Protein backbone atom coordinates (compact mmCIF):
# COMPACT_ATOMS: atom_id res chain seq x y z
CA MET A 1 -31.84 -1.65 33.48
CA SER A 2 -29.30 -2.86 36.18
CA ALA A 3 -30.82 -5.55 38.59
CA ARG A 4 -30.08 -3.46 41.54
CA LEU A 5 -32.17 -0.51 40.24
CA ALA A 6 -35.27 -2.45 41.24
CA LEU A 7 -34.22 -1.67 44.80
CA TYR A 8 -32.86 1.76 44.16
CA LEU A 9 -36.09 2.97 42.51
CA THR A 10 -38.06 1.86 45.46
CA PRO A 11 -38.51 4.84 47.85
CA GLY A 12 -36.05 4.59 50.74
CA GLU A 13 -38.82 4.51 53.24
CA GLN A 14 -40.34 1.36 51.50
CA ARG A 15 -37.00 -0.67 51.13
CA ARG A 16 -37.15 -2.28 54.53
CA THR A 17 -40.71 -3.55 53.75
CA LEU A 18 -39.65 -4.67 50.35
CA LEU A 19 -36.61 -6.55 51.80
CA GLU A 20 -38.69 -8.16 54.48
CA PHE A 21 -41.28 -9.31 51.91
CA ILE A 22 -38.54 -10.82 49.73
CA GLY A 23 -37.07 -12.71 52.75
CA LYS A 24 -40.33 -14.16 53.78
CA ASN A 25 -41.75 -15.17 50.46
CA TYR A 26 -38.91 -15.76 48.02
CA ILE A 27 -35.71 -17.67 47.37
CA LEU A 28 -32.91 -15.56 45.82
CA LEU A 29 -31.08 -17.15 42.94
CA ASP A 30 -28.16 -15.16 41.80
CA VAL A 31 -27.59 -16.12 38.04
CA ASP A 32 -25.01 -14.64 35.69
CA GLY A 33 -27.40 -13.86 32.80
CA TYR A 34 -24.62 -13.42 30.36
CA ALA A 35 -23.02 -16.80 31.21
CA PRO A 36 -25.27 -18.90 33.52
CA GLY A 37 -23.82 -21.90 35.19
CA GLY A 38 -21.97 -24.93 34.23
CA SER A 39 -24.93 -27.03 33.25
CA LYS A 40 -26.79 -27.37 29.97
CA GLU A 41 -29.90 -28.05 31.93
CA GLU A 42 -29.47 -24.75 34.03
CA VAL A 43 -28.95 -22.74 30.85
CA ALA A 44 -32.22 -24.28 29.38
CA TRP A 45 -34.04 -23.45 32.53
CA TRP A 46 -32.83 -19.84 32.46
CA LEU A 47 -33.59 -19.46 28.79
CA LYS A 48 -37.08 -20.74 29.56
CA VAL A 49 -37.60 -18.12 32.43
CA GLN A 50 -36.65 -15.43 30.00
CA GLY A 51 -38.69 -16.65 27.17
CA LYS A 52 -35.88 -16.84 24.79
CA GLU A 53 -34.54 -19.54 22.51
CA PRO A 54 -31.01 -21.15 22.59
CA GLY A 55 -29.55 -18.75 19.87
CA ASP A 56 -30.87 -15.61 21.70
CA GLY A 57 -28.34 -15.45 24.24
CA CYS A 58 -29.02 -15.16 28.10
CA GLY A 59 -28.21 -11.50 28.68
CA ALA A 60 -30.57 -9.66 31.13
CA ASN A 61 -30.49 -6.77 33.66
CA ALA A 62 -33.56 -7.08 35.94
CA TRP A 63 -35.01 -9.25 38.50
CA TYR A 64 -36.76 -12.28 37.05
CA VAL A 65 -39.47 -13.99 39.09
CA ALA A 66 -40.17 -17.62 38.23
CA SER A 67 -41.47 -20.80 39.70
CA ALA A 68 -39.06 -23.72 40.37
CA GLY A 69 -40.63 -25.19 37.12
CA GLY A 70 -39.13 -22.30 35.21
CA ARG A 71 -42.46 -20.43 34.46
CA GLN A 72 -41.92 -16.62 34.46
CA LEU A 73 -44.56 -15.23 36.82
CA VAL A 74 -44.57 -11.52 35.80
CA ASP A 75 -42.60 -9.31 33.42
CA PRO A 76 -38.99 -8.52 34.59
CA VAL A 77 -39.25 -6.48 37.75
CA SER A 78 -38.04 -2.96 37.84
CA ARG A 79 -40.24 -1.38 40.50
CA GLY A 80 -40.00 -3.76 43.36
CA LEU A 81 -42.87 -4.51 45.84
CA PRO A 82 -46.06 -4.24 43.68
CA GLU A 83 -44.79 -6.63 41.04
CA LEU A 84 -43.43 -9.06 43.70
CA GLN A 85 -46.79 -9.05 45.40
CA LYS A 86 -48.46 -9.78 42.05
CA ALA A 87 -45.88 -12.62 41.25
CA LEU A 88 -46.69 -14.24 44.71
CA ALA A 89 -50.29 -14.29 43.97
CA VAL A 90 -49.69 -15.91 40.44
CA TRP A 91 -47.36 -18.58 42.06
CA LYS A 92 -49.92 -19.52 44.69
CA ALA A 93 -52.49 -20.25 41.91
CA LEU A 94 -50.00 -22.70 40.05
CA PRO A 95 -50.47 -26.51 40.34
CA GLU A 96 -48.19 -28.09 42.95
CA ALA A 97 -46.12 -29.99 40.15
CA GLU A 98 -45.19 -26.47 38.92
CA ARG A 99 -44.29 -25.13 42.20
CA THR A 100 -42.45 -27.96 43.50
CA PRO A 101 -41.20 -30.08 40.52
CA LYS A 102 -38.77 -32.92 40.91
CA ILE A 103 -35.16 -31.43 40.32
CA ALA A 104 -32.59 -33.52 38.62
CA PRO A 105 -28.99 -33.83 40.24
CA TRP A 106 -26.80 -31.05 38.93
CA VAL A 107 -24.33 -32.25 36.34
CA GLY A 108 -21.48 -29.80 35.25
CA ASP A 109 -21.85 -30.56 31.49
CA HIS A 110 -21.23 -26.99 30.28
CA PRO A 111 -17.63 -26.15 31.26
CA LYS A 112 -17.34 -23.04 29.14
CA THR A 113 -19.77 -21.20 31.43
CA ALA A 114 -18.97 -23.00 34.66
CA ARG A 115 -18.97 -21.19 37.90
CA LEU A 116 -15.49 -20.02 38.78
CA THR A 117 -14.04 -20.65 42.10
CA PRO A 118 -11.36 -18.75 44.03
CA PRO A 119 -7.76 -19.69 43.13
CA ALA A 120 -5.81 -21.47 45.90
CA GLY A 121 -4.64 -19.00 48.57
CA ALA A 122 -6.75 -16.05 47.19
CA LEU A 123 -7.84 -13.23 49.58
CA ILE A 124 -11.61 -12.74 49.29
CA LEU A 125 -12.72 -9.08 49.93
CA ARG A 126 -16.04 -7.46 50.30
CA ALA A 127 -16.02 -4.30 48.12
CA TYR A 128 -18.39 -1.32 48.99
CA PHE A 129 -19.07 1.49 46.46
CA SER A 130 -21.23 4.70 46.84
CA TYR A 131 -21.58 7.95 44.94
CA LEU A 132 -19.93 10.99 46.41
CA ASP A 133 -20.45 14.91 46.26
CA THR A 134 -17.16 16.74 46.11
CA PRO A 135 -17.97 20.14 47.60
CA ALA A 136 -15.69 23.13 47.02
CA ALA A 137 -14.51 22.91 50.74
CA GLY A 138 -14.51 20.06 53.19
CA ASP A 139 -14.48 16.27 52.68
CA PRO A 140 -16.63 14.23 50.12
CA THR A 141 -20.27 13.36 51.25
CA PRO A 142 -22.51 10.74 50.01
CA VAL A 143 -24.77 11.79 47.31
CA LYS A 144 -28.46 12.08 48.42
CA LYS A 145 -30.04 12.01 45.07
CA THR A 146 -28.94 11.24 41.58
CA ARG A 147 -30.70 10.97 38.21
CA TRP A 148 -31.12 7.72 36.15
CA TYR A 149 -32.54 8.80 32.84
CA SER A 150 -35.90 10.46 33.94
CA GLU A 151 -35.80 8.96 37.40
CA ILE A 152 -34.53 10.75 40.53
CA MET A 153 -33.18 8.06 42.91
CA ASN A 154 -32.33 7.91 46.68
CA THR A 155 -28.55 6.75 46.36
CA ARG A 156 -27.33 6.74 49.96
CA MET A 157 -27.36 3.04 49.93
CA PRO A 158 -23.86 1.64 49.01
CA GLY A 159 -23.49 -1.15 46.35
CA THR A 160 -21.64 -4.22 47.20
CA ASP A 161 -19.33 -6.78 45.32
CA VAL A 162 -16.85 -9.45 45.99
CA MET A 163 -13.15 -9.13 44.87
CA TRP A 164 -10.58 -11.78 44.65
CA VAL A 165 -7.00 -10.85 45.34
CA THR A 166 -4.61 -13.70 44.11
CA GLU A 167 -2.01 -15.10 46.42
CA LYS A 168 0.68 -13.46 44.53
CA GLU A 169 -0.90 -10.03 44.63
CA TRP A 170 -1.49 -9.84 48.44
CA LYS A 171 1.91 -11.45 49.12
CA ALA A 172 3.45 -8.52 47.02
CA MET A 173 2.03 -6.24 49.41
CA ILE A 174 3.90 -7.58 52.50
CA PRO A 175 7.48 -6.60 52.59
CA ALA A 176 9.89 -9.24 53.95
CA LYS A 177 11.12 -6.84 56.83
CA PRO A 178 8.32 -4.34 57.36
CA ARG A 179 9.30 -0.94 58.74
CA LYS A 180 7.06 1.84 60.25
CA GLY A 181 6.25 4.49 57.61
CA GLU A 182 7.54 2.49 54.68
CA ALA A 183 5.82 3.18 51.30
CA LEU A 184 5.01 0.07 49.26
CA ASP A 185 4.14 -0.11 45.61
CA PHE A 186 0.51 -1.21 44.98
CA PRO A 187 0.34 -4.00 42.41
CA ALA A 188 -0.51 -2.84 39.02
CA THR A 189 -2.72 -5.81 38.23
CA LEU A 190 -4.68 -5.27 41.27
CA ARG A 191 -4.85 -1.42 40.85
CA ASN A 192 -6.22 -1.76 37.23
CA ARG A 193 -8.81 -4.42 38.20
CA LEU A 194 -9.93 -2.36 41.11
CA VAL A 195 -10.36 0.95 39.01
CA THR A 196 -11.88 -0.86 36.06
CA TYR A 197 -14.42 -3.11 37.73
CA TYR A 198 -15.22 -1.79 41.21
CA MET A 199 -14.85 1.94 41.39
CA LEU A 200 -17.39 2.65 38.55
CA PRO A 201 -19.28 -0.77 38.17
CA GLU A 202 -22.23 0.72 36.41
CA LEU A 203 -20.09 1.71 33.45
CA VAL A 204 -18.44 -1.73 32.93
């Protein structure tokens, strides 16, 4: 299950309450479950949160709720508010040492899964995507409902992502002597990446 479905499967009228509850009570940590961090200690922490062994791999598609000490507080979250409320109650019952352990300084000792940084000169874009209906006549309109297996979800909320455009790519789109009405080629590398990873991200 995609992590964002925990939000999508929450009825639209309850989403603001869910987001306010998260903002007030939780610290969000965005971990690439398939290749976490550049630290062996971070990988070990993430495996502990998932209840896995080193050879199991770190892949996951859900919200995991854990203490800073690495204790998973509830099963992976797929429904939002009720599970997060339960997790908060469990966290409050933990000893102080589990809730606020001493954190060792970060050491980048796992370079194969180190966090990437934008290349020099890159253009960083915020990408938005949303499902659209294509009526027989008129312009496309946002899909109001869609089915995910047996679930009917409110899908008017767009997804977001971040896209890096290399300096070479964005400079290729700027002509040396721009003229009004001039048509320009869109870089093939950028086009392929945009279509493959951003237009239908759920299928990648």
